[in-house]
Amino acid sequence: MSVLEDSENDESGKRPVFGNRFLTDEDEVFKHNAWDNVEWDEEQEQKALEAVQKNSTVTMPDDDKIKFKSDADKFWDSFYGVHQNRFFKDRHWLFTEFAELAPNKDIQKSRNIFELGCGVGNTILPILKYSTEPNLKVFGCDFSSKAIEIFRNHPEFDTKRCEIFVMDATSEDWNVPFQPETQDIIVLIFVLSAIEPVKMKRVVENCHRYLKPGGLVLFRDYGRYDLAQLRFKSGKCLEENLYVRGDGTMVYFFTQEEVRKLFTDAGFAEEQNVIDRRLQVNRGRMLKMYRVWIQTKYRKRQT
């Protein structure tokens, strides 16, 4: 199974702001590539629950669980070794969903943005390309050394405004090129789901440590019953709602309540926590694909 991520663009190549396109006439379902805020009826919810129960009844042997959890960086190295920078598209939709990352020439003060799990730069490269802030500094880390190598060799990588490095974000002490309470924004986009749940709390606590008072975490990740979860075959489940893809990478599927508890327990104040139920359609094959993402914003309280 390949990675199913956030392919959310319409025909024009631009993703509409979340919540702006509603399906009111079922006969028009194939008029657009995607619809927002699609309501699930009880039958669809039950089918999703049954699919998850079916594919998670049989979990992996303990030896395999240990291998996939302890060698996660090696599996991501292998993934990027195969796909290089061709798999994920640059996330230009972030500028509409997270206006805090959008180009803003009026921001004159120094500003620091740090992305965990930056991969090959699909979030950072659009920021560097379009930002006109004179005092912007962007940091990025990934525990795949191969991803960092590919990112660093990208022709649009800007060493003056960006610093990237290899780091395991689940480490108790982060080895980062900046001091605590120095980051204005920390970005967590489809990264926490690649971490085993027992280690997520440590990641969020370190985010709190390195953000400035008033700083913001921008989070978007897989929601429970997303198409990617329902597609898993039996025997690919490591533990409840945590699976291993065919390429060896792990993926977890969240509820809004789980995300809320992770961040509020670490001392964050919630500013946004929404579930994006999106119906994507393949008009050529007349297929309906139900995606579920969770999008949140959590702010570090002012001291």
C-alpha atoms as a PDB file:
ATOM      1  CA  MET A   1       0.000   0.000   0.000  1.00  0.00           C
ATOM      2  CA  SER A   2       1.355   3.406  -0.927  1.00  0.00           C
ATOM      3  CA  VAL A   3       1.104   6.555   1.153  1.00  0.00           C
ATOM      4  CA  LEU A   4      -2.268   8.302   0.805  1.00  0.00           C
ATOM      5  CA  GLU A   5      -1.770  11.876   1.828  1.00  0.00           C
ATOM      6  CA  ASP A   6      -3.465  15.215   1.296  1.00  0.00           C
ATOM      7  CA  SER A   7      -4.278  15.421  -2.402  1.00  0.00           C
ATOM      8  CA  GLU A   8      -6.799  18.243  -2.168  1.00  0.00           C
ATOM      9  CA  ASN A   9      -6.621  20.366  -5.311  1.00  0.00           C
ATOM     10  CA  ASP A  10      -9.506  21.067  -7.669  1.00  0.00           C
ATOM     11  CA  GLU A  11      -9.346  21.381 -11.455  1.00  0.00           C
ATOM     12  CA  SER A  12      -7.612  24.766 -11.317  1.00  0.00           C
ATOM     13  CA  GLY A  13      -4.819  23.386  -9.164  1.00  0.00           C
ATOM     14  CA  LYS A  14      -5.894  25.509  -6.195  1.00  0.00           C
ATOM     15  CA  ARG A  15      -7.619  24.076  -3.178  1.00  0.00           C
ATOM     16  CA  PRO A  16     -10.731  26.025  -2.111  1.00  0.00           C
ATOM     17  CA  VAL A  17     -10.849  27.140   1.499  1.00  0.00           C
ATOM     18  CA  PHE A  18     -12.159  24.321   3.677  1.00  0.00           C
ATOM     19  CA  GLY A  19     -15.935  24.418   4.099  1.00  0.00           C
ATOM     20  CA  ASN A  20     -16.799  26.420   0.963  1.00  0.00           C
ATOM     21  CA  ARG A  21     -18.136  23.744  -1.379  1.00  0.00           C
ATOM     22  CA  PHE A  22     -21.184  21.757  -0.334  1.00  0.00           C
ATOM     23  CA  LEU A  23     -22.964  18.925  -2.082  1.00  0.00           C
ATOM     24  CA  THR A  24     -26.686  19.748  -2.015  1.00  0.00           C
ATOM     25  CA  ASP A  25     -27.779  17.730  -5.044  1.00  0.00           C
ATOM     26  CA  GLU A  26     -26.553  14.133  -5.268  1.00  0.00           C
ATOM     27  CA  ASP A  27     -27.031  14.250  -9.047  1.00  0.00           C
ATOM     28  CA  GLU A  28     -24.199  16.817  -9.230  1.00  0.00           C
ATOM     29  CA  VAL A  29     -21.678  14.723  -7.261  1.00  0.00           C
ATOM     30  CA  PHE A  30     -19.368  14.313 -10.269  1.00  0.00           C
ATOM     31  CA  LYS A  31     -19.511  17.995 -11.244  1.00  0.00           C
ATOM     32  CA  HIS A  32     -16.410  18.786  -9.155  1.00  0.00           C
ATOM     33  CA  ASN A  33     -13.425  16.798  -7.921  1.00  0.00           C
ATOM     34  CA  ALA A  34     -14.198  17.354  -4.245  1.00  0.00           C
ATOM     35  CA  TRP A  35     -16.896  18.431  -1.794  1.00  0.00           C
ATOM     36  CA  ASP A  36     -16.519  19.806   1.745  1.00  0.00           C
ATOM     37  CA  ASN A  37     -18.286  18.903   4.993  1.00  0.00           C
ATOM     38  CA  VAL A  38     -19.901  15.767   3.642  1.00  0.00           C
ATOM     39  CA  GLU A  39     -22.266  14.342   6.238  1.00  0.00           C
ATOM     40  CA  TRP A  40     -22.124  10.606   6.953  1.00  0.00           C
ATOM     41  CA  ASP A  41     -25.328   8.749   7.656  1.00  0.00           C
ATOM     42  CA  GLU A  42     -25.582   5.922  10.194  1.00  0.00           C
ATOM     43  CA  GLU A  43     -25.179   3.266   7.498  1.00  0.00           C
ATOM     44  CA  GLN A  44     -21.903   4.720   6.221  1.00  0.00           C
ATOM     45  CA  GLU A  45     -20.578   5.174   9.761  1.00  0.00           C
ATOM     46  CA  GLN A  46     -21.431   1.565  10.556  1.00  0.00           C
ATOM     47  CA  LYS A  47     -19.729   0.296   7.397  1.00  0.00           C
ATOM     48  CA  ALA A  48     -16.572   2.230   8.296  1.00  0.00           C
ATOM     49  CA  LEU A  49     -16.613   0.800  11.817  1.00  0.00           C
ATOM     50  CA  GLU A  50     -17.026  -2.719  10.472  1.00  0.00           C
ATOM     51  CA  ALA A  51     -14.147  -2.243   8.024  1.00  0.00           C
ATOM     52  CA  VAL A  52     -11.836  -1.126  10.833  1.00  0.00           C
ATOM     53  CA  GLN A  53     -12.925  -3.963  13.085  1.00  0.00           C
ATOM     54  CA  LYS A  54     -12.226  -6.401  10.270  1.00  0.00           C
ATOM     55  CA  ASN A  55      -8.749  -5.117   9.422  1.00  0.00           C
ATOM     56  CA  SER A  56      -7.615  -4.704  13.031  1.00  0.00           C
ATOM     57  CA  THR A  57      -8.803  -7.981  14.559  1.00  0.00           C
ATOM     58  CA  VAL A  58      -5.527  -9.677  13.625  1.00  0.00           C
ATOM     59  CA  THR A  59      -2.480  -7.688  14.755  1.00  0.00           C
ATOM     60  CA  MET A  60       1.124  -8.239  13.725  1.00  0.00           C
ATOM     61  CA  PRO A  61       3.437 -10.618  15.617  1.00  0.00           C
ATOM     62  CA  ASP A  62       5.453  -8.961  18.395  1.00  0.00           C
ATOM     63  CA  ASP A  63       8.757  -9.283  16.497  1.00  0.00           C
ATOM     64  CA  ASP A  64       7.293  -7.392  13.531  1.00  0.00           C
ATOM     65  CA  LYS A  65       5.857  -4.722  15.823  1.00  0.00           C
ATOM     66  CA  ILE A  66       9.299  -4.106  17.301  1.00  0.00           C
ATOM     67  CA  LYS A  67      10.914  -3.973  13.858  1.00  0.00           C
ATOM     68  CA  PHE A  68       8.526  -1.427  12.356  1.00  0.00           C
ATOM     69  CA  LYS A  69       8.554   0.802  15.427  1.00  0.00           C
ATOM     70  CA  SER A  70      12.315   0.744  16.077  1.00  0.00           C
ATOM     71  CA  ASP A  71      13.377   1.037  12.414  1.00  0.00           C
ATOM     72  CA  ALA A  72      10.889   3.711  11.357  1.00  0.00           C
ATOM     73  CA  ASP A  73      13.661   6.008  10.084  1.00  0.00           C
ATOM     74  CA  LYS A  74      15.060   3.233   7.868  1.00  0.00           C
ATOM     75  CA  PHE A  75      11.686   2.620   6.254  1.00  0.00           C
ATOM     76  CA  TRP A  76      11.279   6.336   5.515  1.00  0.00           C
ATOM     77  CA  ASP A  77      14.834   6.450   4.124  1.00  0.00           C
ATOM     78  CA  SER A  78      13.839   3.616   1.813  1.00  0.00           C
ATOM     79  CA  PHE A  79      10.630   5.418   0.854  1.00  0.00           C
ATOM     80  CA  TYR A  80      12.482   8.603  -0.134  1.00  0.00           C
ATOM     81  CA  GLY A  81      15.209   6.573  -1.814  1.00  0.00           C
ATOM     82  CA  VAL A  82      12.571   5.165  -4.143  1.00  0.00           C
ATOM     83  CA  HIS A  83      10.356   8.215  -4.655  1.00  0.00           C
ATOM     84  CA  GLN A  84      12.899  11.056  -4.230  1.00  0.00           C
ATOM     85  CA  ASN A  85      10.890  14.318  -4.391  1.00  0.00           C
ATOM     86  CA  ARG A  86       8.285  13.046  -6.853  1.00  0.00           C
ATOM     87  CA  PHE A  87       5.650  11.577  -4.525  1.00  0.00           C
ATOM     88  CA  PHE A  88       4.192  14.457  -2.519  1.00  0.00           C
ATOM     89  CA  LYS A  89       3.055  17.698  -4.142  1.00  0.00           C
ATOM     90  CA  ASP A  90       4.018  21.080  -2.708  1.00  0.00           C
ATOM     91  CA  ARG A  91       1.301  22.088  -0.246  1.00  0.00           C
ATOM     92  CA  HIS A  92       0.170  25.401  -1.684  1.00  0.00           C
ATOM     93  CA  TRP A  93      -3.234  24.761  -0.057  1.00  0.00           C
ATOM     94  CA  LEU A  94      -1.611  25.551   3.288  1.00  0.00           C
ATOM     95  CA  PHE A  95      -1.780  29.251   2.465  1.00  0.00           C
ATOM     96  CA  THR A  96      -5.581  29.096   2.430  1.00  0.00           C
ATOM     97  CA  GLU A  97      -6.032  26.690   5.336  1.00  0.00           C
ATOM     98  CA  PHE A  98      -3.298  28.261   7.459  1.00  0.00           C
ATOM     99  CA  ALA A  99      -3.149  31.956   6.645  1.00  0.00           C
ATOM    100  CA  GLU A 100      -0.341  32.312   9.201  1.00  0.00           C
ATOM    101  CA  LEU A 101       1.990  30.739   6.623  1.00  0.00           C
ATOM    102  CA  ALA A 102       0.823  32.830   3.668  1.00  0.00           C
ATOM    103  CA  PRO A 103       3.050  35.510   2.105  1.00  0.00           C
ATOM    104  CA  ASN A 104       2.752  38.767   4.015  1.00  0.00           C
ATOM    105  CA  LYS A 105       5.036  41.631   3.033  1.00  0.00           C
ATOM    106  CA  ASP A 106       3.750  43.737   5.933  1.00  0.00           C
ATOM    107  CA  ILE A 107       5.457  41.568   8.542  1.00  0.00           C
ATOM    108  CA  GLN A 108       8.720  43.365   9.243  1.00  0.00           C
ATOM    109  CA  LYS A 109       9.676  41.839  12.570  1.00  0.00           C
ATOM    110  CA  SER A 110      11.801  38.714  12.730  1.00  0.00           C
ATOM    111  CA  ARG A 111       9.780  35.517  12.613  1.00  0.00           C
ATOM    112  CA  ASN A 112      10.755  31.864  13.038  1.00  0.00           C
ATOM    113  CA  ILE A 113       8.856  28.890  11.626  1.00  0.00           C
ATOM    114  CA  PHE A 114       9.838  25.302  12.464  1.00  0.00           C
ATOM    115  CA  GLU A 115       8.436  22.251  10.674  1.00  0.00           C
ATOM    116  CA  LEU A 116       8.684  18.792  12.186  1.00  0.00           C
ATOM    117  CA  GLY A 117       8.826  16.029   9.600  1.00  0.00           C
ATOM    118  CA  CYS A 118       9.677  18.391   6.753  1.00  0.00           C
ATOM    119  CA  GLY A 119      10.401  15.530   4.340  1.00  0.00           C
ATOM    120  CA  VAL A 120      11.712  16.834   1.032  1.00  0.00           C
ATOM    121  CA  GLY A 121      10.306  20.327   1.555  1.00  0.00           C
ATOM    122  CA  ASN A 122       6.718  20.257   0.312  1.00  0.00           C
ATOM    123  CA  THR A 123       5.651  22.743   2.990  1.00  0.00           C
ATOM    124  CA  ILE A 124       8.816  24.791   3.369  1.00  0.00           C
ATOM    125  CA  LEU A 125       9.632  25.310  -0.311  1.00  0.00           C
ATOM    126  CA  PRO A 126       6.337  27.139  -1.068  1.00  0.00           C
ATOM    127  CA  ILE A 127       6.904  29.340   1.995  1.00  0.00           C
ATOM    128  CA  LEU A 128      10.410  30.240   0.828  1.00  0.00           C
ATOM    129  CA  LYS A 129       9.251  30.775  -2.745  1.00  0.00           C
ATOM    130  CA  TYR A 130       6.430  33.190  -2.030  1.00  0.00           C
ATOM    131  CA  SER A 131       7.396  34.869   1.246  1.00  0.00           C
ATOM    132  CA  THR A 132       8.549  38.473   1.057  1.00  0.00           C
ATOM    133  CA  GLU A 133       9.197  38.853   4.775  1.00  0.00           C
ATOM    134  CA  PRO A 134      12.671  40.362   5.154  1.00  0.00           C
ATOM    135  CA  ASN A 135      13.353  38.722   8.525  1.00  0.00           C
ATOM    136  CA  LEU A 136      11.854  35.254   8.107  1.00  0.00           C
ATOM    137  CA  LYS A 137      13.831  32.205   9.226  1.00  0.00           C
ATOM    138  CA  VAL A 138      12.505  28.711   8.521  1.00  0.00           C
ATOM    139  CA  PHE A 139      13.764  25.538  10.183  1.00  0.00           C
ATOM    140  CA  GLY A 140      12.932  21.984   9.263  1.00  0.00           C
ATOM    141  CA  CYS A 141      13.804  18.537  10.555  1.00  0.00           C
ATOM    142  CA  ASP A 142      13.125  14.971   9.560  1.00  0.00           C
ATOM    143  CA  PHE A 143      14.351  11.660  10.937  1.00  0.00           C
ATOM    144  CA  SER A 144      15.001  10.455   7.392  1.00  0.00           C
ATOM    145  CA  SER A 145      18.533  11.479   6.426  1.00  0.00           C
ATOM    146  CA  LYS A 146      17.646  10.651   2.818  1.00  0.00           C
ATOM    147  CA  ALA A 147      14.789  13.150   2.829  1.00  0.00           C
ATOM    148  CA  ILE A 148      17.043  15.889   4.209  1.00  0.00           C
ATOM    149  CA  GLU A 149      19.687  15.112   1.581  1.00  0.00           C
ATOM    150  CA  ILE A 150      17.120  15.391  -1.242  1.00  0.00           C
ATOM    151  CA  PHE A 151      15.669  18.595   0.223  1.00  0.00           C
ATOM    152  CA  ARG A 152      19.094  20.196   0.625  1.00  0.00           C
ATOM    153  CA  ASN A 153      19.895  19.533  -3.041  1.00  0.00           C
ATOM    154  CA  HIS A 154      16.678  21.130  -4.321  1.00  0.00           C
ATOM    155  CA  PRO A 155      17.445  24.120  -6.595  1.00  0.00           C
ATOM    156  CA  GLU A 156      15.050  26.359  -4.634  1.00  0.00           C
ATOM    157  CA  PHE A 157      16.511  25.537  -1.224  1.00  0.00           C
ATOM    158  CA  ASP A 158      17.654  28.827   0.326  1.00  0.00           C
ATOM    159  CA  THR A 159      20.495  28.425   2.826  1.00  0.00           C
ATOM    160  CA  LYS A 160      20.208  32.068   3.901  1.00  0.00           C
ATOM    161  CA  ARG A 161      16.623  31.780   5.084  1.00  0.00           C
ATOM    162  CA  CYS A 162      16.323  28.087   5.858  1.00  0.00           C
ATOM    163  CA  GLU A 163      18.144  25.532   7.994  1.00  0.00           C
ATOM    164  CA  ILE A 164      17.272  21.846   7.880  1.00  0.00           C
ATOM    165  CA  PHE A 165      18.669  18.923   9.837  1.00  0.00           C
ATOM    166  CA  VAL A 166      18.152  15.282  10.754  1.00  0.00           C
ATOM    167  CA  MET A 167      16.417  14.733  14.091  1.00  0.00           C
ATOM    168  CA  ASP A 168      14.152  12.174  15.692  1.00  0.00           C
ATOM    169  CA  ALA A 169      11.307  14.293  17.038  1.00  0.00           C
ATOM    170  CA  THR A 170      10.426  11.584  19.555  1.00  0.00           C
ATOM    171  CA  SER A 171      13.733  12.120  21.384  1.00  0.00           C
ATOM    172  CA  GLU A 172      13.362  13.381  24.923  1.00  0.00           C
ATOM    173  CA  ASP A 173      15.841  16.204  24.312  1.00  0.00           C
ATOM    174  CA  TRP A 174      15.771  17.889  20.914  1.00  0.00           C
ATOM    175  CA  ASN A 175      19.103  18.706  19.288  1.00  0.00           C
ATOM    176  CA  VAL A 176      18.063  21.885  17.493  1.00  0.00           C
ATOM    177  CA  PRO A 177      19.933  25.012  16.302  1.00  0.00           C
ATOM    178  CA  PHE A 178      17.822  27.384  18.416  1.00  0.00           C
ATOM    179  CA  GLN A 179      16.904  27.992  22.028  1.00  0.00           C
ATOM    180  CA  PRO A 180      13.649  27.211  23.855  1.00  0.00           C
ATOM    181  CA  GLU A 181      10.836  29.755  23.451  1.00  0.00           C
ATOM    182  CA  THR A 182      12.192  31.115  20.148  1.00  0.00           C
ATOM    183  CA  GLN A 183       9.747  29.754  17.536  1.00  0.00           C
ATOM    184  CA  ASP A 184       6.677  31.683  16.426  1.00  0.00           C
ATOM    185  CA  ILE A 185       5.047  28.769  14.600  1.00  0.00           C
ATOM    186  CA  ILE A 186       5.581  25.015  14.664  1.00  0.00           C
ATOM    187  CA  VAL A 187       4.091  23.018  11.805  1.00  0.00           C
ATOM    188  CA  LEU A 188       2.890  19.417  12.205  1.00  0.00           C
ATOM    189  CA  ILE A 189       1.450  18.292   8.874  1.00  0.00           C
ATOM    190  CA  PHE A 190       0.868  14.545   8.408  1.00  0.00           C
ATOM    191  CA  VAL A 191       3.779  13.808  10.739  1.00  0.00           C
ATOM    192  CA  LEU A 192       2.398  12.907  14.171  1.00  0.00           C
ATOM    193  CA  SER A 193       0.496  10.035  12.536  1.00  0.00           C
ATOM    194  CA  ALA A 194       3.841   8.454  11.573  1.00  0.00           C
ATOM    195  CA  ILE A 195       4.792   8.143  15.261  1.00  0.00           C
ATOM    196  CA  GLU A 196       3.671   5.403  17.624  1.00  0.00           C
ATOM    197  CA  PRO A 197       1.081   6.832  20.034  1.00  0.00           C
ATOM    198  CA  VAL A 198       3.123   6.252  23.211  1.00  0.00           C
ATOM    199  CA  LYS A 199       5.687   8.806  21.966  1.00  0.00           C
ATOM    200  CA  MET A 200       3.293  11.526  20.780  1.00  0.00           C
ATOM    201  CA  LYS A 201       2.987  13.184  24.201  1.00  0.00           C
ATOM    202  CA  ARG A 202       6.749  13.840  24.298  1.00  0.00           C
ATOM    203  CA  VAL A 203       6.675  15.451  20.850  1.00  0.00           C
ATOM    204  CA  VAL A 204       3.853  17.819  21.792  1.00  0.00           C
ATOM    205  CA  GLU A 205       5.523  18.760  25.091  1.00  0.00           C
ATOM    206  CA  ASN A 206       8.712  19.685  23.257  1.00  0.00           C
ATOM    207  CA  CYS A 207       6.694  21.787  20.814  1.00  0.00           C
ATOM    208  CA  HIS A 208       5.385  23.695  23.827  1.00  0.00           C
ATOM    209  CA  ARG A 209       8.915  24.120  25.167  1.00  0.00           C
ATOM    210  CA  TYR A 210      10.340  25.647  21.991  1.00  0.00           C
ATOM    211  CA  LEU A 211       7.457  27.937  21.080  1.00  0.00           C
ATOM    212  CA  LYS A 212       7.468  31.538  22.199  1.00  0.00           C
ATOM    213  CA  PRO A 213       4.699  32.506  24.619  1.00  0.00           C
ATOM    214  CA  GLY A 214       1.790  33.183  22.291  1.00  0.00           C
ATOM    215  CA  GLY A 215       3.305  30.924  19.623  1.00  0.00           C
ATOM    216  CA  LEU A 216       1.142  28.659  17.499  1.00  0.00           C
ATOM    217  CA  VAL A 217       1.102  24.985  16.460  1.00  0.00           C
ATOM    218  CA  LEU A 218      -0.514  24.276  13.096  1.00  0.00           C
ATOM    219  CA  PHE A 219      -1.660  20.655  12.848  1.00  0.00           C
ATOM    220  CA  ARG A 220      -3.278  18.620  10.093  1.00  0.00           C
ATOM    221  CA  ASP A 221      -3.408  14.824   9.972  1.00  0.00           C
ATOM    222  CA  TYR A 222      -5.443  11.710   9.272  1.00  0.00           C
ATOM    223  CA  GLY A 223      -8.822  11.306  10.948  1.00  0.00           C
ATOM    224  CA  ARG A 224     -10.506   8.106  12.094  1.00  0.00           C
ATOM    225  CA  TYR A 225     -12.217   6.189   9.266  1.00  0.00           C
ATOM    226  CA  ASP A 226     -10.314   7.967   6.517  1.00  0.00           C
ATOM    227  CA  LEU A 227     -10.219   6.062   3.235  1.00  0.00           C
ATOM    228  CA  ALA A 228      -6.592   5.151   3.910  1.00  0.00           C
ATOM    229  CA  GLN A 229      -7.591   3.363   7.129  1.00  0.00           C
ATOM    230  CA  LEU A 230     -10.478   1.483   5.552  1.00  0.00           C
ATOM    231  CA  ARG A 231      -8.262   0.191   2.732  1.00  0.00           C
ATOM    232  CA  PHE A 232      -5.887  -1.725   4.991  1.00  0.00           C
ATOM    233  CA  LYS A 233      -5.967  -5.509   4.781  1.00  0.00           C
ATOM    234  CA  SER A 234      -6.022  -7.766   7.816  1.00  0.00           C
ATOM    235  CA  GLY A 235      -2.612  -8.338   9.392  1.00  0.00           C
ATOM    236  CA  LYS A 236      -1.317  -4.781   8.850  1.00  0.00           C
ATOM    237  CA  CYS A 237      -2.442  -3.489  12.258  1.00  0.00           C
ATOM    238  CA  LEU A 238       0.242  -2.836  14.893  1.00  0.00           C
ATOM    239  CA  GLU A 239      -2.138  -1.668  17.604  1.00  0.00           C
ATOM    240  CA  GLU A 240      -5.488   0.057  17.780  1.00  0.00           C
ATOM    241  CA  ASN A 241      -5.754   2.539  14.853  1.00  0.00           C
ATOM    242  CA  LEU A 242      -2.016   2.192  14.060  1.00  0.00           C
ATOM    243  CA  TYR A 243      -1.070   0.403  10.853  1.00  0.00           C
ATOM    244  CA  VAL A 244       1.922  -0.428   8.682  1.00  0.00           C
ATOM    245  CA  ARG A 245       1.802   0.380   4.981  1.00  0.00           C
ATOM    246  CA  GLY A 246       3.237  -1.874   2.319  1.00  0.00           C
ATOM    247  CA  ASP A 247       6.418   0.220   2.282  1.00  0.00           C
ATOM    248  CA  GLY A 248       6.955  -0.277   6.032  1.00  0.00           C
ATOM    249  CA  THR A 249       5.975   3.222   7.171  1.00  0.00           C
ATOM    250  CA  MET A 250       3.494   3.592  10.031  1.00  0.00           C
ATOM    251  CA  VAL A 251       0.280   5.620  10.104  1.00  0.00           C
ATOM    252  CA  TYR A 252      -2.133   6.439  12.937  1.00  0.00           C
ATOM    253  CA  PHE A 253      -5.709   7.720  12.575  1.00  0.00           C
ATOM    254  CA  PHE A 254      -6.882  10.331  15.118  1.00  0.00           C
ATOM    255  CA  THR A 255     -10.132  11.514  16.633  1.00  0.00           C
ATOM    256  CA  GLN A 256     -10.638  15.186  17.418  1.00  0.00           C
ATOM    257  CA  GLU A 257     -10.783  14.335  21.112  1.00  0.00           C
ATOM    258  CA  GLU A 258      -7.398  12.559  21.022  1.00  0.00           C
ATOM    259  CA  VAL A 259      -5.759  15.570  19.384  1.00  0.00           C
ATOM    260  CA  ARG A 260      -7.403  17.952  21.841  1.00  0.00           C
ATOM    261  CA  LYS A 261      -6.181  15.954  24.851  1.00  0.00           C
ATOM    262  CA  LEU A 262      -2.611  15.743  23.511  1.00  0.00           C
ATOM    263  CA  PHE A 263      -2.296  19.504  23.213  1.00  0.00           C
ATOM    264  CA  THR A 264      -4.353  20.756  26.144  1.00  0.00           C
ATOM    265  CA  ASP A 265      -2.591  18.341  28.511  1.00  0.00           C
ATOM    266  CA  ALA A 266       0.687  19.943  27.398  1.00  0.00           C
ATOM    267  CA  GLY A 267      -0.638  23.400  28.316  1.00  0.00           C
ATOM    268  CA  PHE A 268      -1.890  24.674  24.955  1.00  0.00           C
ATOM    269  CA  ALA A 269      -5.045  26.708  24.426  1.00  0.00           C
ATOM    270  CA  GLU A 270      -7.271  25.480  21.612  1.00  0.00           C
ATOM    271  CA  GLU A 271      -8.102  27.930  18.817  1.00  0.00           C
ATOM    272  CA  GLN A 272      -9.305  25.503  16.181  1.00  0.00           C
ATOM    273  CA  ASN A 273     -10.206  21.813  16.067  1.00  0.00           C
ATOM    274  CA  VAL A 274     -12.251  20.830  13.030  1.00  0.00           C
ATOM    275  CA  ILE A 275     -12.878  17.610  11.181  1.00  0.00           C
ATOM    276  CA  ASP A 276     -12.657  17.884   7.406  1.00  0.00           C
ATOM    277  CA  ARG A 277     -14.835  15.193   5.875  1.00  0.00           C
ATOM    278  CA  ARG A 278     -14.121  15.520   2.191  1.00  0.00           C
ATOM    279  CA  LEU A 279     -15.702  13.598  -0.661  1.00  0.00           C
ATOM    280  CA  GLN A 280     -13.227  13.263  -3.523  1.00  0.00           C
ATOM    281  CA  VAL A 281     -14.441  11.831  -6.802  1.00  0.00           C
ATOM    282  CA  ASN A 282     -12.759  10.258  -9.793  1.00  0.00           C
ATOM    283  CA  ARG A 283     -14.984  11.497 -12.588  1.00  0.00           C
ATOM    284  CA  GLY A 284     -13.358   9.269 -15.172  1.00  0.00           C
ATOM    285  CA  ARG A 285     -14.030   6.073 -13.209  1.00  0.00           C
ATOM    286  CA  MET A 286     -17.147   7.408 -11.418  1.00  0.00           C
ATOM    287  CA  LEU A 287     -15.663   6.597  -8.002  1.00  0.00           C
ATOM    288  CA  LYS A 288     -16.412   8.239  -4.647  1.00  0.00           C
ATOM    289  CA  MET A 289     -13.610   8.442  -2.064  1.00  0.00           C
ATOM    290  CA  TYR A 290     -14.299   9.671   1.454  1.00  0.00           C
ATOM    291  CA  ARG A 291     -11.363  11.385   3.143  1.00  0.00           C
ATOM    292  CA  VAL A 292     -11.245  12.420   6.787  1.00  0.00           C
ATOM    293  CA  TRP A 293      -8.670  14.896   8.078  1.00  0.00           C
ATOM    294  CA  ILE A 294      -8.347  16.747  11.357  1.00  0.00           C
ATOM    295  CA  GLN A 295      -7.125  20.330  11.318  1.00  0.00           C
ATOM    296  CA  THR A 296      -6.251  22.241  14.475  1.00  0.00           C
ATOM    297  CA  LYS A 297      -4.498  25.303  15.853  1.00  0.00           C
ATOM    298  CA  TYR A 298      -3.142  25.374  19.411  1.00  0.00           C
ATOM    299  CA  ARG A 299      -1.529  28.395  21.027  1.00  0.00           C
ATOM    300  CA  LYS A 300       1.010  28.506  23.827  1.00  0.00           C
ATOM    301  CA  ARG A 301      -0.412  30.658  26.573  1.00  0.00           C
ATOM    302  CA  GLN A 302       1.198  33.983  27.391  1.00  0.00           C
ATOM    303  CA  THR A 303       3.103  33.861  30.658  1.00  0.00           C
END
